[in-house]
């Protein structure tokens, strides 16, 4: 307890159109 291990993996996000504002949360 809590017994949590954080496991990271590479992040990639596709399809962000030009002429727009994008918000990554």
PDBML (XML) file of the C-alpha atoms, coordinates in Angstrom:
<?xml version="1.0" encoding="UTF-8" ?>
<PDBx:datablock datablockName="MODEL"
   xmlns:PDBx="http://pdbml.pdb.org/schema/pdbx-v50.xsd"
   xmlns:xsi="http://www.w3.org/2001/XMLSchema-instance"
   xsi:schemaLocation="http://pdbml.pdb.org/schema/pdbx-v50.xsd pdbx-v50.xsd">
   <PDBx:atom_siteCategory>
      <PDBx:atom_site id="1">
         <PDBx:B_iso_or_equiv>0.00</PDBx:B_iso_or_equiv>
         <PDBx:Cartn_x>0.000</PDBx:Cartn_x>
         <PDBx:Cartn_y>0.000</PDBx:Cartn_y>
         <PDBx:Cartn_z>0.000</PDBx:Cartn_z>
         <PDBx:auth_asym_id>A</PDBx:auth_asym_id>
         <PDBx:auth_atom_id>CA</PDBx:auth_atom_id>
         <PDBx:auth_comp_id>UNK</PDBx:auth_comp_id>
         <PDBx:auth_seq_id>1</PDBx:auth_seq_id>
         <PDBx:group_PDB>ATOM</PDBx:group_PDB>
         <PDBx:label_alt_id xsi:nil="true" />
         <PDBx:label_asym_id>A</PDBx:label_asym_id>
         <PDBx:label_atom_id>CA</PDBx:label_atom_id>
         <PDBx:label_comp_id>UNK</PDBx:label_comp_id>
         <PDBx:label_entity_id>1</PDBx:label_entity_id>
         <PDBx:label_seq_id>1</PDBx:label_seq_id>
         <PDBx:occupancy>1.00</PDBx:occupancy>
         <PDBx:pdbx_PDB_model_num>1</PDBx:pdbx_PDB_model_num>
         <PDBx:type_symbol>C</PDBx:type_symbol>
      </PDBx:atom_site>
      <PDBx:atom_site id="2">
         <PDBx:B_iso_or_equiv>0.00</PDBx:B_iso_or_equiv>
         <PDBx:Cartn_x>-0.151</PDBx:Cartn_x>
         <PDBx:Cartn_y>2.072</PDBx:Cartn_y>
         <PDBx:Cartn_z>-2.132</PDBx:Cartn_z>
         <PDBx:auth_asym_id>A</PDBx:auth_asym_id>
         <PDBx:auth_atom_id>CA</PDBx:auth_atom_id>
         <PDBx:auth_comp_id>UNK</PDBx:auth_comp_id>
         <PDBx:auth_seq_id>2</PDBx:auth_seq_id>
         <PDBx:group_PDB>ATOM</PDBx:group_PDB>
         <PDBx:label_alt_id xsi:nil="true" />
         <PDBx:label_asym_id>A</PDBx:label_asym_id>
         <PDBx:label_atom_id>CA</PDBx:label_atom_id>
         <PDBx:label_comp_id>UNK</PDBx:label_comp_id>
         <PDBx:label_entity_id>1</PDBx:label_entity_id>
         <PDBx:label_seq_id>2</PDBx:label_seq_id>
         <PDBx:occupancy>1.00</PDBx:occupancy>
         <PDBx:pdbx_PDB_model_num>1</PDBx:pdbx_PDB_model_num>
         <PDBx:type_symbol>C</PDBx:type_symbol>
      </PDBx:atom_site>
      <PDBx:atom_site id="3">
         <PDBx:B_iso_or_equiv>0.00</PDBx:B_iso_or_equiv>
         <PDBx:Cartn_x>1.822</PDBx:Cartn_x>
         <PDBx:Cartn_y>-0.445</PDBx:Cartn_y>
         <PDBx:Cartn_z>-4.199</PDBx:Cartn_z>
         <PDBx:auth_asym_id>A</PDBx:auth_asym_id>
         <PDBx:auth_atom_id>CA</PDBx:auth_atom_id>
         <PDBx:auth_comp_id>UNK</PDBx:auth_comp_id>
         <PDBx:auth_seq_id>3</PDBx:auth_seq_id>
         <PDBx:group_PDB>ATOM</PDBx:group_PDB>
         <PDBx:label_alt_id xsi:nil="true" />
         <PDBx:label_asym_id>A</PDBx:label_asym_id>
         <PDBx:label_atom_id>CA</PDBx:label_atom_id>
         <PDBx:label_comp_id>UNK</PDBx:label_comp_id>
         <PDBx:label_entity_id>1</PDBx:label_entity_id>
         <PDBx:label_seq_id>3</PDBx:label_seq_id>
         <PDBx:occupancy>1.00</PDBx:occupancy>
         <PDBx:pdbx_PDB_model_num>1</PDBx:pdbx_PDB_model_num>
         <PDBx:type_symbol>C</PDBx:type_symbol>
      </PDBx:atom_site>
      <PDBx:atom_site id="4">
         <PDBx:B_iso_or_equiv>0.00</PDBx:B_iso_or_equiv>
         <PDBx:Cartn_x>2.276</PDBx:Cartn_x>
         <PDBx:Cartn_y>1.819</PDBx:Cartn_y>
         <PDBx:Cartn_z>-7.224</PDBx:Cartn_z>
         <PDBx:auth_asym_id>A</PDBx:auth_asym_id>
         <PDBx:auth_atom_id>CA</PDBx:auth_atom_id>
         <PDBx:auth_comp_id>UNK</PDBx:auth_comp_id>
         <PDBx:auth_seq_id>4</PDBx:auth_seq_id>
         <PDBx:group_PDB>ATOM</PDBx:group_PDB>
         <PDBx:label_alt_id xsi:nil="true" />
         <PDBx:label_asym_id>A</PDBx:label_asym_id>
         <PDBx:label_atom_id>CA</PDBx:label_atom_id>
         <PDBx:label_comp_id>UNK</PDBx:label_comp_id>
         <PDBx:label_entity_id>1</PDBx:label_entity_id>
         <PDBx:label_seq_id>4</PDBx:label_seq_id>
         <PDBx:occupancy>1.00</PDBx:occupancy>
         <PDBx:pdbx_PDB_model_num>1</PDBx:pdbx_PDB_model_num>
         <PDBx:type_symbol>C</PDBx:type_symbol>
      </PDBx:atom_site>
      <PDBx:atom_site id="5">
         <PDBx:B_iso_or_equiv>0.00</PDBx:B_iso_or_equiv>
         <PDBx:Cartn_x>5.186</PDBx:Cartn_x>
         <PDBx:Cartn_y>1.913</PDBx:Cartn_y>
         <PDBx:Cartn_z>-9.671</PDBx:Cartn_z>
         <PDBx:auth_asym_id>A</PDBx:auth_asym_id>
         <PDBx:auth_atom_id>CA</PDBx:auth_atom_id>
         <PDBx:auth_comp_id>UNK</PDBx:auth_comp_id>
         <PDBx:auth_seq_id>5</PDBx:auth_seq_id>
         <PDBx:group_PDB>ATOM</PDBx:group_PDB>
         <PDBx:label_alt_id xsi:nil="true" />
         <PDBx:label_asym_id>A</PDBx:label_asym_id>
         <PDBx:label_atom_id>CA</PDBx:label_atom_id>
         <PDBx:label_comp_id>UNK</PDBx:label_comp_id>
         <PDBx:label_entity_id>1</PDBx:label_entity_id>
         <PDBx:label_seq_id>5</PDBx:label_seq_id>
         <PDBx:occupancy>1.00</PDBx:occupancy>
         <PDBx:pdbx_PDB_model_num>1</PDBx:pdbx_PDB_model_num>
         <PDBx:type_symbol>C</PDBx:type_symbol>
      </PDBx:atom_site>
      <PDBx:atom_site id="6">
         <PDBx:B_iso_or_equiv>0.00</PDBx:B_iso_or_equiv>
         <PDBx:Cartn_x>5.146</PDBx:Cartn_x>
         <PDBx:Cartn_y>4.489</PDBx:Cartn_y>
         <PDBx:Cartn_z>-12.473</PDBx:Cartn_z>
         <PDBx:auth_asym_id>A</PDBx:auth_asym_id>
         <PDBx:auth_atom_id>CA</PDBx:auth_atom_id>
         <PDBx:auth_comp_id>UNK</PDBx:auth_comp_id>
         <PDBx:auth_seq_id>6</PDBx:auth_seq_id>
         <PDBx:group_PDB>ATOM</PDBx:group_PDB>
         <PDBx:label_alt_id xsi:nil="true" />
         <PDBx:label_asym_id>A</PDBx:label_asym_id>
         <PDBx:label_atom_id>CA</PDBx:label_atom_id>
         <PDBx:label_comp_id>UNK</PDBx:label_comp_id>
         <PDBx:label_entity_id>1</PDBx:label_entity_id>
         <PDBx:label_seq_id>6</PDBx:label_seq_id>
         <PDBx:occupancy>1.00</PDBx:occupancy>
         <PDBx:pdbx_PDB_model_num>1</PDBx:pdbx_PDB_model_num>
         <PDBx:type_symbol>C</PDBx:type_symbol>
      </PDBx:atom_site>
      <PDBx:atom_site id="7">
         <PDBx:B_iso_or_equiv>0.00</PDBx:B_iso_or_equiv>
         <PDBx:Cartn_x>5.993</PDBx:Cartn_x>
         <PDBx:Cartn_y>2.947</PDBx:Cartn_y>
         <PDBx:Cartn_z>-15.849</PDBx:Cartn_z>
         <PDBx:auth_asym_id>A</PDBx:auth_asym_id>
         <PDBx:auth_atom_id>CA</PDBx:auth_atom_id>
         <PDBx:auth_comp_id>UNK</PDBx:auth_comp_id>
         <PDBx:auth_seq_id>7</PDBx:auth_seq_id>
         <PDBx:group_PDB>ATOM</PDBx:group_PDB>
         <PDBx:label_alt_id xsi:nil="true" />
         <PDBx:label_asym_id>A</PDBx:label_asym_id>
         <PDBx:label_atom_id>CA</PDBx:label_atom_id>
         <PDBx:label_comp_id>UNK</PDBx:label_comp_id>
         <PDBx:label_entity_id>1</PDBx:label_entity_id>
         <PDBx:label_seq_id>7</PDBx:label_seq_id>
         <PDBx:occupancy>1.00</PDBx:occupancy>
         <PDBx:pdbx_PDB_model_num>1</PDBx:pdbx_PDB_model_num>
         <PDBx:type_symbol>C</PDBx:type_symbol>
      </PDBx:atom_site>
      <PDBx:atom_site id="8">
         <PDBx:B_iso_or_equiv>0.00</PDBx:B_iso_or_equiv>
         <PDBx:Cartn_x>6.815</PDBx:Cartn_x>
         <PDBx:Cartn_y>5.492</PDBx:Cartn_y>
         <PDBx:Cartn_z>-18.597</PDBx:Cartn_z>
         <PDBx:auth_asym_id>A</PDBx:auth_asym_id>
         <PDBx:auth_atom_id>CA</PDBx:auth_atom_id>
         <PDBx:auth_comp_id>UNK</PDBx:auth_comp_id>
         <PDBx:auth_seq_id>8</PDBx:auth_seq_id>
         <PDBx:group_PDB>ATOM</PDBx:group_PDB>
         <PDBx:label_alt_id xsi:nil="true" />
         <PDBx:label_asym_id>A</PDBx:label_asym_id>
         <PDBx:label_atom_id>CA</PDBx:label_atom_id>
         <PDBx:label_comp_id>UNK</PDBx:label_comp_id>
         <PDBx:label_entity_id>1</PDBx:label_entity_id>
         <PDBx:label_seq_id>8</PDBx:label_seq_id>
         <PDBx:occupancy>1.00</PDBx:occupancy>
         <PDBx:pdbx_PDB_model_num>1</PDBx:pdbx_PDB_model_num>
         <PDBx:type_symbol>C</PDBx:type_symbol>
      </PDBx:atom_site>
      <PDBx:atom_site id="9">
         <PDBx:B_iso_or_equiv>0.00</PDBx:B_iso_or_equiv>
         <PDBx:Cartn_x>6.377</PDBx:Cartn_x>
         <PDBx:Cartn_y>4.862</PDBx:Cartn_y>
         <PDBx:Cartn_z>-22.295</PDBx:Cartn_z>
         <PDBx:auth_asym_id>A</PDBx:auth_asym_id>
         <PDBx:auth_atom_id>CA</PDBx:auth_atom_id>
         <PDBx:auth_comp_id>UNK</PDBx:auth_comp_id>
         <PDBx:auth_seq_id>9</PDBx:auth_seq_id>
         <PDBx:group_PDB>ATOM</PDBx:group_PDB>
         <PDBx:label_alt_id xsi:nil="true" />
         <PDBx:label_asym_id>A</PDBx:label_asym_id>
         <PDBx:label_atom_id>CA</PDBx:label_atom_id>
         <PDBx:label_comp_id>UNK</PDBx:label_comp_id>
         <PDBx:label_entity_id>1</PDBx:label_entity_id>
         <PDBx:label_seq_id>9</PDBx:label_seq_id>
         <PDBx:occupancy>1.00</PDBx:occupancy>
         <PDBx:pdbx_PDB_model_num>1</PDBx:pdbx_PDB_model_num>
         <PDBx:type_symbol>C</PDBx:type_symbol>
      </PDBx:atom_site>
      <PDBx:atom_site id="10">
         <PDBx:B_iso_or_equiv>0.00</PDBx:B_iso_or_equiv>
         <PDBx:Cartn_x>7.333</PDBx:Cartn_x>
         <PDBx:Cartn_y>7.133</PDBx:Cartn_y>
         <PDBx:Cartn_z>-25.227</PDBx:Cartn_z>
         <PDBx:auth_asym_id>A</PDBx:auth_asym_id>
         <PDBx:auth_atom_id>CA</PDBx:auth_atom_id>
         <PDBx:auth_comp_id>UNK</PDBx:auth_comp_id>
         <PDBx:auth_seq_id>10</PDBx:auth_seq_id>
         <PDBx:group_PDB>ATOM</PDBx:group_PDB>
         <PDBx:label_alt_id xsi:nil="true" />
         <PDBx:label_asym_id>A</PDBx:label_asym_id>
         <PDBx:label_atom_id>CA</PDBx:label_atom_id>
         <PDBx:label_comp_id>UNK</PDBx:label_comp_id>
         <PDBx:label_entity_id>1</PDBx:label_entity_id>
         <PDBx:label_seq_id>10</PDBx:label_seq_id>
         <PDBx:occupancy>1.00</PDBx:occupancy>
         <PDBx:pdbx_PDB_model_num>1</PDBx:pdbx_PDB_model_num>
         <PDBx:type_symbol>C</PDBx:type_symbol>
      </PDBx:atom_site>
      <PDBx:atom_site id="11">
         <PDBx:B_iso_or_equiv>0.00</PDBx:B_iso_or_equiv>
         <PDBx:Cartn_x>4.621</PDBx:Cartn_x>
         <PDBx:Cartn_y>9.652</PDBx:Cartn_y>
         <PDBx:Cartn_z>-26.088</PDBx:Cartn_z>
         <PDBx:auth_asym_id>A</PDBx:auth_asym_id>
         <PDBx:auth_atom_id>CA</PDBx:auth_atom_id>
         <PDBx:auth_comp_id>UNK</PDBx:auth_comp_id>
         <PDBx:auth_seq_id>11</PDBx:auth_seq_id>
         <PDBx:group_PDB>ATOM</PDBx:group_PDB>
         <PDBx:label_alt_id xsi:nil="true" />
         <PDBx:label_asym_id>A</PDBx:label_asym_id>
         <PDBx:label_atom_id>CA</PDBx:label_atom_id>
         <PDBx:label_comp_id>UNK</PDBx:label_comp_id>
         <PDBx:label_entity_id>1</PDBx:label_entity_id>
         <PDBx:label_seq_id>11</PDBx:label_seq_id>
         <PDBx:occupancy>1.00</PDBx:occupancy>
         <PDBx:pdbx_PDB_model_num>1</PDBx:pdbx_PDB_model_num>
         <PDBx:type_symbol>C</PDBx:type_symbol>
      </PDBx:atom_site>
      <PDBx:atom_site id="12">
         <PDBx:B_iso_or_equiv>0.00</PDBx:B_iso_or_equiv>
         <PDBx:Cartn_x>3.620</PDBx:Cartn_x>
         <PDBx:Cartn_y>10.725</PDBx:Cartn_y>
         <PDBx:Cartn_z>-29.585</PDBx:Cartn_z>
         <PDBx:auth_asym_id>A</PDBx:auth_asym_id>
         <PDBx:auth_atom_id>CA</PDBx:auth_atom_id>
         <PDBx:auth_comp_id>UNK</PDBx:auth_comp_id>
         <PDBx:auth_seq_id>12</PDBx:auth_seq_id>
         <PDBx:group_PDB>ATOM</PDBx:group_PDB>
         <PDBx:label_alt_id xsi:nil="true" />
         <PDBx:label_asym_id>A</PDBx:label_asym_id>
         <PDBx:label_atom_id>CA</PDBx:label_atom_id>
         <PDBx:label_comp_id>UNK</PDBx:label_comp_id>
         <PDBx:label_entity_id>1</PDBx:label_entity_id>
         <PDBx:label_seq_id>12</PDBx:label_seq_id>
         <PDBx:occupancy>1.00</PDBx:occupancy>
         <PDBx:pdbx_PDB_model_num>1</PDBx:pdbx_PDB_model_num>
         <PDBx:type_symbol>C</PDBx:type_symbol>
      </PDBx:atom_site>
      <PDBx:atom_site id="13">
         <PDBx:B_iso_or_equiv>0.00</PDBx:B_iso_or_equiv>
         <PDBx:Cartn_x>0.523</PDBx:Cartn_x>
         <PDBx:Cartn_y>12.500</PDBx:Cartn_y>
         <PDBx:Cartn_z>-30.888</PDBx:Cartn_z>
         <PDBx:auth_asym_id>A</PDBx:auth_asym_id>
         <PDBx:auth_atom_id>CA</PDBx:auth_atom_id>
         <PDBx:auth_comp_id>UNK</PDBx:auth_comp_id>
         <PDBx:auth_seq_id>13</PDBx:auth_seq_id>
         <PDBx:group_PDB>ATOM</PDBx:group_PDB>
         <PDBx:label_alt_id xsi:nil="true" />
         <PDBx:label_asym_id>A</PDBx:label_asym_id>
         <PDBx:label_atom_id>CA</PDBx:label_atom_id>
         <PDBx:label_comp_id>UNK</PDBx:label_comp_id>
         <PDBx:label_entity_id>1</PDBx:label_entity_id>
         <PDBx:label_seq_id>13</PDBx:label_seq_id>
         <PDBx:occupancy>1.00</PDBx:occupancy>
         <PDBx:pdbx_PDB_model_num>1</PDBx:pdbx_PDB_model_num>
         <PDBx:type_symbol>C</PDBx:type_symbol>
      </PDBx:atom_site>
      <PDBx:atom_site id="14">
         <PDBx:B_iso_or_equiv>0.00</PDBx:B_iso_or_equiv>
         <PDBx:Cartn_x>-0.366</PDBx:Cartn_x>
         <PDBx:Cartn_y>12.706</PDBx:Cartn_y>
         <PDBx:Cartn_z>-34.575</PDBx:Cartn_z>
         <PDBx:auth_asym_id>A</PDBx:auth_asym_id>
         <PDBx:auth_atom_id>CA</PDBx:auth_atom_id>
         <PDBx:auth_comp_id>UNK</PDBx:auth_comp_id>
         <PDBx:auth_seq_id>14</PDBx:auth_seq_id>
         <PDBx:group_PDB>ATOM</PDBx:group_PDB>
         <PDBx:label_alt_id xsi:nil="true" />
         <PDBx:label_asym_id>A</PDBx:label_asym_id>
         <PDBx:label_atom_id>CA</PDBx:label_atom_id>
         <PDBx:label_comp_id>UNK</PDBx:label_comp_id>
         <PDBx:label_entity_id>1</PDBx:label_entity_id>
         <PDBx:label_seq_id>14</PDBx:label_seq_id>
         <PDBx:occupancy>1.00</PDBx:occupancy>
         <PDBx:pdbx_PDB_model_num>1</PDBx:pdbx_PDB_model_num>
         <PDBx:type_symbol>C</PDBx:type_symbol>
      </PDBx:atom_site>
      <PDBx:atom_site id="15">
         <PDBx:B_iso_or_equiv>0.00</PDBx:B_iso_or_equiv>
         <PDBx:Cartn_x>-2.926</PDBx:Cartn_x>
         <PDBx:Cartn_y>14.604</PDBx:Cartn_y>
         <PDBx:Cartn_z>-36.617</PDBx:Cartn_z>
         <PDBx:auth_asym_id>A</PDBx:auth_asym_id>
         <PDBx:auth_atom_id>CA</PDBx:auth_atom_id>
         <PDBx:auth_comp_id>UNK</PDBx:auth_comp_id>
         <PDBx:auth_seq_id>15</PDBx:auth_seq_id>
         <PDBx:group_PDB>ATOM</PDBx:group_PDB>
         <PDBx:label_alt_id xsi:nil="true" />
         <PDBx:label_asym_id>A</PDBx:label_asym_id>
         <PDBx:label_atom_id>CA</PDBx:label_atom_id>
         <PDBx:label_comp_id>UNK</PDBx:label_comp_id>
         <PDBx:label_entity_id>1</PDBx:label_entity_id>
         <PDBx:label_seq_id>15</PDBx:label_seq_id>
         <PDBx:occupancy>1.00</PDBx:occupancy>
         <PDBx:pdbx_PDB_model_num>1</PDBx:pdbx_PDB_model_num>
         <PDBx:type_symbol>C</PDBx:type_symbol>
      </PDBx:atom_site>
      <PDBx:atom_site id="16">
         <PDBx:B_iso_or_equiv>0.00</PDBx:B_iso_or_equiv>
         <PDBx:Cartn_x>-2.439</PDBx:Cartn_x>
         <PDBx:Cartn_y>18.140</PDBx:Cartn_y>
         <PDBx:Cartn_z>-35.286</PDBx:Cartn_z>
         <PDBx:auth_asym_id>A</PDBx:auth_asym_id>
         <PDBx:auth_atom_id>CA</PDBx:auth_atom_id>
         <PDBx:auth_comp_id>UNK</PDBx:auth_comp_id>
         <PDBx:auth_seq_id>16</PDBx:auth_seq_id>
         <PDBx:group_PDB>ATOM</PDBx:group_PDB>
         <PDBx:label_alt_id xsi:nil="true" />
         <PDBx:label_asym_id>A</PDBx:label_asym_id>
         <PDBx:label_atom_id>CA</PDBx:label_atom_id>
         <PDBx:label_comp_id>UNK</PDBx:label_comp_id>
         <PDBx:label_entity_id>1</PDBx:label_entity_id>
         <PDBx:label_seq_id>16</PDBx:label_seq_id>
         <PDBx:occupancy>1.00</PDBx:occupancy>
         <PDBx:pdbx_PDB_model_num>1</PDBx:pdbx_PDB_model_num>
         <PDBx:type_symbol>C</PDBx:type_symbol>
      </PDBx:atom_site>
      <PDBx:atom_site id="17">
         <PDBx:B_iso_or_equiv>0.00</PDBx:B_iso_or_equiv>
         <PDBx:Cartn_x>-3.762</PDBx:Cartn_x>
         <PDBx:Cartn_y>20.326</PDBx:Cartn_y>
         <PDBx:Cartn_z>-38.091</PDBx:Cartn_z>
         <PDBx:auth_asym_id>A</PDBx:auth_asym_id>
         <PDBx:auth_atom_id>CA</PDBx:auth_atom_id>
         <PDBx:auth_comp_id>UNK</PDBx:auth_comp_id>
         <PDBx:auth_seq_id>17</PDBx:auth_seq_id>
         <PDBx:group_PDB>ATOM</PDBx:group_PDB>
         <PDBx:label_alt_id xsi:nil="true" />
         <PDBx:label_asym_id>A</PDBx:label_asym_id>
         <PDBx:label_atom_id>CA</PDBx:label_atom_id>
         <PDBx:label_comp_id>UNK</PDBx:label_comp_id>
         <PDBx:label_entity_id>1</PDBx:label_entity_id>
         <PDBx:label_seq_id>17</PDBx:label_seq_id>
         <PDBx:occupancy>1.00</PDBx:occupancy>
         <PDBx:pdbx_PDB_model_num>1</PDBx:pdbx_PDB_model_num>
         <PDBx:type_symbol>C</PDBx:type_symbol>
      </PDBx:atom_site>
      <PDBx:atom_site id="18">
         <PDBx:B_iso_or_equiv>0.00</PDBx:B_iso_or_equiv>
         <PDBx:Cartn_x>-1.927</PDBx:Cartn_x>
         <PDBx:Cartn_y>23.489</PDBx:Cartn_y>
         <PDBx:Cartn_z>-39.116</PDBx:Cartn_z>
         <PDBx:auth_asym_id>A</PDBx:auth_asym_id>
         <PDBx:auth_atom_id>CA</PDBx:auth_atom_id>
         <PDBx:auth_comp_id>UNK</PDBx:auth_comp_id>
         <PDBx:auth_seq_id>18</PDBx:auth_seq_id>
         <PDBx:group_PDB>ATOM</PDBx:group_PDB>
         <PDBx:label_alt_id xsi:nil="true" />
         <PDBx:label_asym_id>A</PDBx:label_asym_id>
         <PDBx:label_atom_id>CA</PDBx:label_atom_id>
         <PDBx:label_comp_id>UNK</PDBx:label_comp_id>
         <PDBx:label_entity_id>1</PDBx:label_entity_id>
         <PDBx:label_seq_id>18</PDBx:label_seq_id>
         <PDBx:occupancy>1.00</PDBx:occupancy>
         <PDBx:pdbx_PDB_model_num>1</PDBx:pdbx_PDB_model_num>
         <PDBx:type_symbol>C</PDBx:type_symbol>
      </PDBx:atom_site>
      <PDBx:atom_site id="19">
         <PDBx:B_iso_or_equiv>0.00</PDBx:B_iso_or_equiv>
         <PDBx:Cartn_x>-3.627</PDBx:Cartn_x>
         <PDBx:Cartn_y>26.871</PDBx:Cartn_y>
         <PDBx:Cartn_z>-38.678</PDBx:Cartn_z>
         <PDBx:auth_asym_id>A</PDBx:auth_asym_id>
         <PDBx:auth_atom_id>CA</PDBx:auth_atom_id>
         <PDBx:auth_comp_id>UNK</PDBx:auth_comp_id>
         <PDBx:auth_seq_id>19</PDBx:auth_seq_id>
         <PDBx:group_PDB>ATOM</PDBx:group_PDB>
         <PDBx:label_alt_id xsi:nil="true" />
         <PDBx:label_asym_id>A</PDBx:label_asym_id>
         <PDBx:label_atom_id>CA</PDBx:label_atom_id>
         <PDBx:label_comp_id>UNK</PDBx:label_comp_id>
         <PDBx:label_entity_id>1</PDBx:label_entity_id>
         <PDBx:label_seq_id>19</PDBx:label_seq_id>
         <PDBx:occupancy>1.00</PDBx:occupancy>
         <PDBx:pdbx_PDB_model_num>1</PDBx:pdbx_PDB_model_num>
         <PDBx:type_symbol>C</PDBx:type_symbol>
      </PDBx:atom_site>
      <PDBx:atom_site id="20">
         <PDBx:B_iso_or_equiv>0.00</PDBx:B_iso_or_equiv>
         <PDBx:Cartn_x>-5.110</PDBx:Cartn_x>
         <PDBx:Cartn_y>25.777</PDBx:Cartn_y>
         <PDBx:Cartn_z>-35.366</PDBx:Cartn_z>
         <PDBx:auth_asym_id>A</PDBx:auth_asym_id>
         <PDBx:auth_atom_id>CA</PDBx:auth_atom_id>
         <PDBx:auth_comp_id>UNK</PDBx:auth_comp_id>
         <PDBx:auth_seq_id>20</PDBx:auth_seq_id>
         <PDBx:group_PDB>ATOM</PDBx:group_PDB>
         <PDBx:label_alt_id xsi:nil="true" />
         <PDBx:label_asym_id>A</PDBx:label_asym_id>
         <PDBx:label_atom_id>CA</PDBx:label_atom_id>
         <PDBx:label_comp_id>UNK</PDBx:label_comp_id>
         <PDBx:label_entity_id>1</PDBx:label_entity_id>
         <PDBx:label_seq_id>20</PDBx:label_seq_id>
         <PDBx:occupancy>1.00</PDBx:occupancy>
         <PDBx:pdbx_PDB_model_num>1</PDBx:pdbx_PDB_model_num>
         <PDBx:type_symbol>C</PDBx:type_symbol>
      </PDBx:atom_site>
      <PDBx:atom_site id="21">
         <PDBx:B_iso_or_equiv>0.00</PDBx:B_iso_or_equiv>
         <PDBx:Cartn_x>-4.286</PDBx:Cartn_x>
         <PDBx:Cartn_y>26.035</PDBx:Cartn_y>
         <PDBx:Cartn_z>-31.675</PDBx:Cartn_z>
         <PDBx:auth_asym_id>A</PDBx:auth_asym_id>
         <PDBx:auth_atom_id>CA</PDBx:auth_atom_id>
         <PDBx:auth_comp_id>UNK</PDBx:auth_comp_id>
         <PDBx:auth_seq_id>21</PDBx:auth_seq_id>
         <PDBx:group_PDB>ATOM</PDBx:group_PDB>
         <PDBx:label_alt_id xsi:nil="true" />
         <PDBx:label_asym_id>A</PDBx:label_asym_id>
         <PDBx:label_atom_id>CA</PDBx:label_atom_id>
         <PDBx:label_comp_id>UNK</PDBx:label_comp_id>
         <PDBx:label_entity_id>1</PDBx:label_entity_id>
         <PDBx:label_seq_id>21</PDBx:label_seq_id>
         <PDBx:occupancy>1.00</PDBx:occupancy>
         <PDBx:pdbx_PDB_model_num>1</PDBx:pdbx_PDB_model_num>
         <PDBx:type_symbol>C</PDBx:type_symbol>
      </PDBx:atom_site>
      <PDBx:atom_site id="22">
         <PDBx:B_iso_or_equiv>0.00</PDBx:B_iso_or_equiv>
         <PDBx:Cartn_x>-4.008</PDBx:Cartn_x>
         <PDBx:Cartn_y>22.700</PDBx:Cartn_y>
         <PDBx:Cartn_z>-29.893</PDBx:Cartn_z>
         <PDBx:auth_asym_id>A</PDBx:auth_asym_id>
         <PDBx:auth_atom_id>CA</PDBx:auth_atom_id>
         <PDBx:auth_comp_id>UNK</PDBx:auth_comp_id>
         <PDBx:auth_seq_id>22</PDBx:auth_seq_id>
         <PDBx:group_PDB>ATOM</PDBx:group_PDB>
         <PDBx:label_alt_id xsi:nil="true" />
         <PDBx:label_asym_id>A</PDBx:label_asym_id>
         <PDBx:label_atom_id>CA</PDBx:label_atom_id>
         <PDBx:label_comp_id>UNK</PDBx:label_comp_id>
         <PDBx:label_entity_id>1</PDBx:label_entity_id>
         <PDBx:label_seq_id>22</PDBx:label_seq_id>
         <PDBx:occupancy>1.00</PDBx:occupancy>
         <PDBx:pdbx_PDB_model_num>1</PDBx:pdbx_PDB_model_num>
         <PDBx:type_symbol>C</PDBx:type_symbol>
      </PDBx:atom_site>
      <PDBx:atom_site id="23">
         <PDBx:B_iso_or_equiv>0.00</PDBx:B_iso_or_equiv>
         <PDBx:Cartn_x>-4.065</PDBx:Cartn_x>
         <PDBx:Cartn_y>22.173</PDBx:Cartn_y>
         <PDBx:Cartn_z>-26.139</PDBx:Cartn_z>
         <PDBx:auth_asym_id>A</PDBx:auth_asym_id>
         <PDBx:auth_atom_id>CA</PDBx:auth_atom_id>
         <PDBx:auth_comp_id>UNK</PDBx:auth_comp_id>
         <PDBx:auth_seq_id>23</PDBx:auth_seq_id>
         <PDBx:group_PDB>ATOM</PDBx:group_PDB>
         <PDBx:label_alt_id xsi:nil="true" />
         <PDBx:label_asym_id>A</PDBx:label_asym_id>
         <PDBx:label_atom_id>CA</PDBx:label_atom_id>
         <PDBx:label_comp_id>UNK</PDBx:label_comp_id>
         <PDBx:label_entity_id>1</PDBx:label_entity_id>
         <PDBx:label_seq_id>23</PDBx:label_seq_id>
         <PDBx:occupancy>1.00</PDBx:occupancy>
         <PDBx:pdbx_PDB_model_num>1</PDBx:pdbx_PDB_model_num>
         <PDBx:type_symbol>C</PDBx:type_symbol>
      </PDBx:atom_site>
      <PDBx:atom_site id="24">
         <PDBx:B_iso_or_equiv>0.00</PDBx:B_iso_or_equiv>
         <PDBx:Cartn_x>-2.250</PDBx:Cartn_x>
         <PDBx:Cartn_y>19.199</PDBx:Cartn_y>
         <PDBx:Cartn_z>-24.636</PDBx:Cartn_z>
         <PDBx:auth_asym_id>A</PDBx:auth_asym_id>
         <PDBx:auth_atom_id>CA</PDBx:auth_atom_id>
         <PDBx:auth_comp_id>UNK</PDBx:auth_comp_id>
         <PDBx:auth_seq_id>24</PDBx:auth_seq_id>
         <PDBx:group_PDB>ATOM</PDBx:group_PDB>
         <PDBx:label_alt_id xsi:nil="true" />
         <PDBx:label_asym_id>A</PDBx:label_asym_id>
         <PDBx:label_atom_id>CA</PDBx:label_atom_id>
         <PDBx:label_comp_id>UNK</PDBx:label_comp_id>
         <PDBx:label_entity_id>1</PDBx:label_entity_id>
         <PDBx:label_seq_id>24</PDBx:label_seq_id>
         <PDBx:occupancy>1.00</PDBx:occupancy>
         <PDBx:pdbx_PDB_model_num>1</PDBx:pdbx_PDB_model_num>
         <PDBx:type_symbol>C</PDBx:type_symbol>
      </PDBx:atom_site>
      <PDBx:atom_site id="25">
         <PDBx:B_iso_or_equiv>0.00</PDBx:B_iso_or_equiv>
         <PDBx:Cartn_x>-3.421</PDBx:Cartn_x>
         <PDBx:Cartn_y>18.318</PDBx:Cartn_y>
         <PDBx:Cartn_z>-21.143</PDBx:Cartn_z>
         <PDBx:auth_asym_id>A</PDBx:auth_asym_id>
         <PDBx:auth_atom_id>CA</PDBx:auth_atom_id>
         <PDBx:auth_comp_id>UNK</PDBx:auth_comp_id>
         <PDBx:auth_seq_id>25</PDBx:auth_seq_id>
         <PDBx:group_PDB>ATOM</PDBx:group_PDB>
         <PDBx:label_alt_id xsi:nil="true" />
         <PDBx:label_asym_id>A</PDBx:label_asym_id>
         <PDBx:label_atom_id>CA</PDBx:label_atom_id>
         <PDBx:label_comp_id>UNK</PDBx:label_comp_id>
         <PDBx:label_entity_id>1</PDBx:label_entity_id>
         <PDBx:label_seq_id>25</PDBx:label_seq_id>
         <PDBx:occupancy>1.00</PDBx:occupancy>
         <PDBx:pdbx_PDB_model_num>1</PDBx:pdbx_PDB_model_num>
         <PDBx:type_symbol>C</PDBx:type_symbol>
      </PDBx:atom_site>
   </PDBx:atom_siteCategory>
</PDBx:datablock>
